[in-house]
Amino acid sequence: MKKDLRIHVRFTNHTFTTAYDAATHDPERPILEDHGGRPRTFCESRYTLSHRLPGVISSFTHPATKVHQTAAQRNWAHVTQIETPQGPYYVFFELRRARKEDRHLQDLYLVVESAYPQGRDMPAPQLSGRMGFGLLCSKVYAGERVSTRR
């Protein structure tokens, strides 16, 4: 039986901030805390690119879209090429089934944990196996194992 899945998407402030560094922090910029209470600083380039994230996330529904499992096997990543001189743009997300009490609103919960362009300060992440985003959603919804082959 085919089911259209409803996905609630949320973005963390890692999509528009970088790790706080007291030596390089501009005192004119606010210091923000992430969900773990760690200090972060506003990043203009991440902020600018973050405006494209809703479109990037919407494109995940295309049947050809593949996502990669991160080396830690907790998150997934989508790599896309956005017109930026910095190189590929990495979007890291966690996908899980919605809580039982929320399933009348959504089936899955997708949290964009971070998104950044590759550059000198941010090398390419370690990614392992990949699968189609649609297949990943189906497996998470069904409670099936989602790890990929190495």
C-alpha atoms as a PDB file:
ATOM      1  CA  MET A   1       0.000   0.000   0.000  1.00  0.00           C
ATOM      2  CA  LYS A   2       1.451   3.342  -1.049  1.00  0.00           C
ATOM      3  CA  LYS A   3       1.308   6.219   1.437  1.00  0.00           C
ATOM      4  CA  ASP A   4       2.277   9.839   0.983  1.00  0.00           C
ATOM      5  CA  LEU A   5       4.371  10.687   4.033  1.00  0.00           C
ATOM      6  CA  ARG A   6       4.081  14.045   5.779  1.00  0.00           C
ATOM      7  CA  ILE A   7       7.446  15.373   6.939  1.00  0.00           C
ATOM      8  CA  HIS A   8       7.890  18.147   9.500  1.00  0.00           C
ATOM      9  CA  VAL A   9      11.158  20.006   8.827  1.00  0.00           C
ATOM     10  CA  ARG A  10      13.084  22.047  11.391  1.00  0.00           C
ATOM     11  CA  PHE A  11      16.425  23.846  11.068  1.00  0.00           C
ATOM     12  CA  THR A  12      19.001  24.334  13.836  1.00  0.00           C
ATOM     13  CA  ASN A  13      21.100  27.488  14.110  1.00  0.00           C
ATOM     14  CA  HIS A  14      24.118  25.545  12.797  1.00  0.00           C
ATOM     15  CA  THR A  15      22.733  26.356   9.334  1.00  0.00           C
ATOM     16  CA  PHE A  16      23.633  30.041   9.802  1.00  0.00           C
ATOM     17  CA  THR A  17      26.335  30.031  12.508  1.00  0.00           C
ATOM     18  CA  THR A  18      29.855  28.675  13.014  1.00  0.00           C
ATOM     19  CA  ALA A  19      31.750  27.510  16.077  1.00  0.00           C
ATOM     20  CA  TYR A  20      32.605  30.400  18.377  1.00  0.00           C
ATOM     21  CA  ASP A  21      36.262  31.421  18.458  1.00  0.00           C
ATOM     22  CA  ALA A  22      37.072  34.220  20.919  1.00  0.00           C
ATOM     23  CA  ALA A  23      40.202  35.149  18.951  1.00  0.00           C
ATOM     24  CA  THR A  24      38.342  35.833  15.700  1.00  0.00           C
ATOM     25  CA  HIS A  25      34.861  36.757  16.931  1.00  0.00           C
ATOM     26  CA  ASP A  26      33.582  40.161  15.808  1.00  0.00           C
ATOM     27  CA  PRO A  27      32.332  41.897  18.984  1.00  0.00           C
ATOM     28  CA  GLU A  28      29.608  43.558  16.886  1.00  0.00           C
ATOM     29  CA  ARG A  29      28.074  40.121  16.251  1.00  0.00           C
ATOM     30  CA  PRO A  30      25.947  38.338  18.844  1.00  0.00           C
ATOM     31  CA  ILE A  31      27.052  35.079  20.417  1.00  0.00           C
ATOM     32  CA  LEU A  32      24.305  32.491  20.006  1.00  0.00           C
ATOM     33  CA  GLU A  33      23.928  29.193  21.828  1.00  0.00           C
ATOM     34  CA  ASP A  34      23.052  25.975  20.043  1.00  0.00           C
ATOM     35  CA  HIS A  35      20.624  23.388  21.432  1.00  0.00           C
ATOM     36  CA  GLY A  36      23.445  21.979  23.596  1.00  0.00           C
ATOM     37  CA  GLY A  37      24.343  25.378  25.063  1.00  0.00           C
ATOM     38  CA  ARG A  38      27.595  25.670  23.062  1.00  0.00           C
ATOM     39  CA  PRO A  39      28.468  29.175  21.828  1.00  0.00           C
ATOM     40  CA  ARG A  40      28.140  29.902  18.103  1.00  0.00           C
ATOM     41  CA  THR A  41      28.752  32.999  16.025  1.00  0.00           C
ATOM     42  CA  PHE A  42      26.730  34.355  13.117  1.00  0.00           C
ATOM     43  CA  CYS A  43      28.147  33.449   9.677  1.00  0.00           C
ATOM     44  CA  GLU A  44      27.156  35.658   6.753  1.00  0.00           C
ATOM     45  CA  SER A  45      27.890  33.062   4.048  1.00  0.00           C
ATOM     46  CA  ARG A  46      25.992  30.275   5.840  1.00  0.00           C
ATOM     47  CA  TYR A  47      23.122  32.671   6.467  1.00  0.00           C
ATOM     48  CA  THR A  48      22.939  33.625   2.786  1.00  0.00           C
ATOM     49  CA  LEU A  49      23.023  29.977   1.703  1.00  0.00           C
ATOM     50  CA  SER A  50      20.453  28.998   4.354  1.00  0.00           C
ATOM     51  CA  HIS A  51      17.792  30.887   2.392  1.00  0.00           C
ATOM     52  CA  ARG A  52      18.100  28.169  -0.251  1.00  0.00           C
ATOM     53  CA  LEU A  53      17.582  25.315   2.214  1.00  0.00           C
ATOM     54  CA  PRO A  54      13.781  25.040   1.835  1.00  0.00           C
ATOM     55  CA  GLY A  55      14.261  24.509  -1.915  1.00  0.00           C
ATOM     56  CA  VAL A  56      17.088  22.036  -1.350  1.00  0.00           C
ATOM     57  CA  ILE A  57      14.959  20.067   1.125  1.00  0.00           C
ATOM     58  CA  SER A  58      11.975  20.132  -1.265  1.00  0.00           C
ATOM     59  CA  SER A  59      14.194  18.675  -3.996  1.00  0.00           C
ATOM     60  CA  PHE A  60      14.789  15.589  -1.836  1.00  0.00           C
ATOM     61  CA  THR A  61      11.454  14.233  -3.083  1.00  0.00           C
ATOM     62  CA  HIS A  62      12.832  13.812  -6.611  1.00  0.00           C
ATOM     63  CA  PRO A  63      13.196  10.043  -7.230  1.00  0.00           C
ATOM     64  CA  ALA A  64      16.855  10.395  -8.237  1.00  0.00           C
ATOM     65  CA  THR A  65      17.895  12.162  -5.012  1.00  0.00           C
ATOM     66  CA  LYS A  66      20.429  10.176  -3.010  1.00  0.00           C
ATOM     67  CA  VAL A  67      21.513  10.832   0.545  1.00  0.00           C
ATOM     68  CA  HIS A  68      24.670   9.589   2.230  1.00  0.00           C
ATOM     69  CA  GLN A  69      24.999   8.149   5.693  1.00  0.00           C
ATOM     70  CA  THR A  70      27.559   9.983   7.808  1.00  0.00           C
ATOM     71  CA  ALA A  71      30.494   8.067   9.239  1.00  0.00           C
ATOM     72  CA  ALA A  72      28.922   8.307  12.717  1.00  0.00           C
ATOM     73  CA  GLN A  73      25.798   6.549  11.333  1.00  0.00           C
ATOM     74  CA  ARG A  74      23.526   8.922  13.261  1.00  0.00           C
ATOM     75  CA  ASN A  75      22.862  11.490  10.567  1.00  0.00           C
ATOM     76  CA  TRP A  76      22.464  11.655   6.824  1.00  0.00           C
ATOM     77  CA  ALA A  77      23.899  14.139   4.368  1.00  0.00           C
ATOM     78  CA  HIS A  78      22.861  15.457   1.014  1.00  0.00           C
ATOM     79  CA  VAL A  79      25.540  16.998  -1.173  1.00  0.00           C
ATOM     80  CA  THR A  80      24.452  19.550  -3.723  1.00  0.00           C
ATOM     81  CA  GLN A  81      26.257  21.987  -5.954  1.00  0.00           C
ATOM     82  CA  ILE A  82      24.998  25.512  -5.440  1.00  0.00           C
ATOM     83  CA  GLU A  83      26.520  28.367  -7.363  1.00  0.00           C
ATOM     84  CA  THR A  84      29.137  29.324  -4.822  1.00  0.00           C
ATOM     85  CA  PRO A  85      32.886  29.668  -5.226  1.00  0.00           C
ATOM     86  CA  GLN A  86      33.418  27.645  -2.060  1.00  0.00           C
ATOM     87  CA  GLY A  87      32.459  24.317  -3.625  1.00  0.00           C
ATOM     88  CA  PRO A  88      29.844  21.708  -2.703  1.00  0.00           C
ATOM     89  CA  TYR A  89      27.166  22.565  -0.152  1.00  0.00           C
ATOM     90  CA  TYR A  90      26.598  19.876   2.471  1.00  0.00           C
ATOM     91  CA  VAL A  91      23.239  19.523   4.206  1.00  0.00           C
ATOM     92  CA  PHE A  92      23.252  17.280   7.292  1.00  0.00           C
ATOM     93  CA  PHE A  93      20.007  16.024   8.724  1.00  0.00           C
ATOM     94  CA  GLU A  94      18.479  13.533  11.097  1.00  0.00           C
ATOM     95  CA  LEU A  95      15.285  11.746  10.117  1.00  0.00           C
ATOM     96  CA  ARG A  96      13.053   9.905  12.560  1.00  0.00           C
ATOM     97  CA  ARG A  97       9.491   8.749  12.887  1.00  0.00           C
ATOM     98  CA  ALA A  98       7.162  11.259  14.491  1.00  0.00           C
ATOM     99  CA  ARG A  99       6.122  10.686  18.080  1.00  0.00           C
ATOM    100  CA  LYS A 100       2.890   8.768  18.431  1.00  0.00           C
ATOM    101  CA  GLU A 101       0.994  11.794  19.760  1.00  0.00           C
ATOM    102  CA  ASP A 102       2.127  13.865  16.725  1.00  0.00           C
ATOM    103  CA  ARG A 103       1.327  11.334  13.995  1.00  0.00           C
ATOM    104  CA  HIS A 104      -2.005  12.972  13.199  1.00  0.00           C
ATOM    105  CA  LEU A 105       0.075  15.987  12.063  1.00  0.00           C
ATOM    106  CA  GLN A 106       3.159  14.370  10.492  1.00  0.00           C
ATOM    107  CA  ASP A 107       4.664  10.959   9.850  1.00  0.00           C
ATOM    108  CA  LEU A 108       8.353  11.865   9.961  1.00  0.00           C
ATOM    109  CA  TYR A 109      10.474  14.516  11.630  1.00  0.00           C
ATOM    110  CA  LEU A 110      13.485  15.889   9.719  1.00  0.00           C
ATOM    111  CA  VAL A 111      15.952  18.131  11.548  1.00  0.00           C
ATOM    112  CA  VAL A 112      18.552  19.931   9.449  1.00  0.00           C
ATOM    113  CA  GLU A 113      21.443  19.774  11.910  1.00  0.00           C
ATOM    114  CA  SER A 114      23.930  21.756   9.835  1.00  0.00           C
ATOM    115  CA  ALA A 115      24.612  23.024   6.335  1.00  0.00           C
ATOM    116  CA  TYR A 116      27.803  24.534   5.021  1.00  0.00           C
ATOM    117  CA  PRO A 117      29.891  24.977   1.893  1.00  0.00           C
ATOM    118  CA  GLN A 118      33.129  23.063   1.611  1.00  0.00           C
ATOM    119  CA  GLY A 119      36.163  25.277   2.042  1.00  0.00           C
ATOM    120  CA  ARG A 120      39.556  25.613   3.703  1.00  0.00           C
ATOM    121  CA  ASP A 121      37.967  25.811   7.144  1.00  0.00           C
ATOM    122  CA  MET A 122      35.425  23.081   6.413  1.00  0.00           C
ATOM    123  CA  PRO A 123      36.877  20.081   4.579  1.00  0.00           C
ATOM    124  CA  ALA A 124      34.710  17.445   2.947  1.00  0.00           C
ATOM    125  CA  PRO A 125      32.958  15.277   5.559  1.00  0.00           C
ATOM    126  CA  GLN A 126      33.418  11.529   5.827  1.00  0.00           C
ATOM    127  CA  LEU A 127      30.416   9.954   4.160  1.00  0.00           C
ATOM    128  CA  SER A 128      29.689   6.292   3.670  1.00  0.00           C
ATOM    129  CA  GLY A 129      26.966   4.421   1.796  1.00  0.00           C
ATOM    130  CA  ARG A 130      24.016   6.082   0.134  1.00  0.00           C
ATOM    131  CA  MET A 131      20.373   5.412  -0.620  1.00  0.00           C
ATOM    132  CA  GLY A 132      17.443   7.185  -2.180  1.00  0.00           C
ATOM    133  CA  PHE A 133      15.714   9.690   0.072  1.00  0.00           C
ATOM    134  CA  GLY A 134      12.334   8.074  -0.634  1.00  0.00           C
ATOM    135  CA  LEU A 135      13.648   4.670   0.415  1.00  0.00           C
ATOM    136  CA  LEU A 136      15.151   6.172   3.575  1.00  0.00           C
ATOM    137  CA  CYS A 137      11.789   7.739   4.465  1.00  0.00           C
ATOM    138  CA  SER A 138       9.970   4.453   3.861  1.00  0.00           C
ATOM    139  CA  LYS A 139      12.402   2.537   6.049  1.00  0.00           C
ATOM    140  CA  VAL A 140      12.308   5.066   8.893  1.00  0.00           C
ATOM    141  CA  TYR A 141       8.509   5.148   8.778  1.00  0.00           C
ATOM    142  CA  ALA A 142       8.321   1.337   8.837  1.00  0.00           C
ATOM    143  CA  GLY A 143      10.864   1.121  11.678  1.00  0.00           C
ATOM    144  CA  GLU A 144      13.330  -0.816   9.514  1.00  0.00           C
ATOM    145  CA  ARG A 145      17.118  -0.767   9.742  1.00  0.00           C
ATOM    146  CA  VAL A 146      18.592   2.047   7.650  1.00  0.00           C
ATOM    147  CA  SER A 147      22.350   1.562   7.767  1.00  0.00           C
ATOM    148  CA  THR A 148      24.045   1.257   4.411  1.00  0.00           C
ATOM    149  CA  ARG A 149      26.714  -1.159   3.257  1.00  0.00           C
ATOM    150  CA  ARG A 150      30.277   0.005   3.589  1.00  0.00           C
END
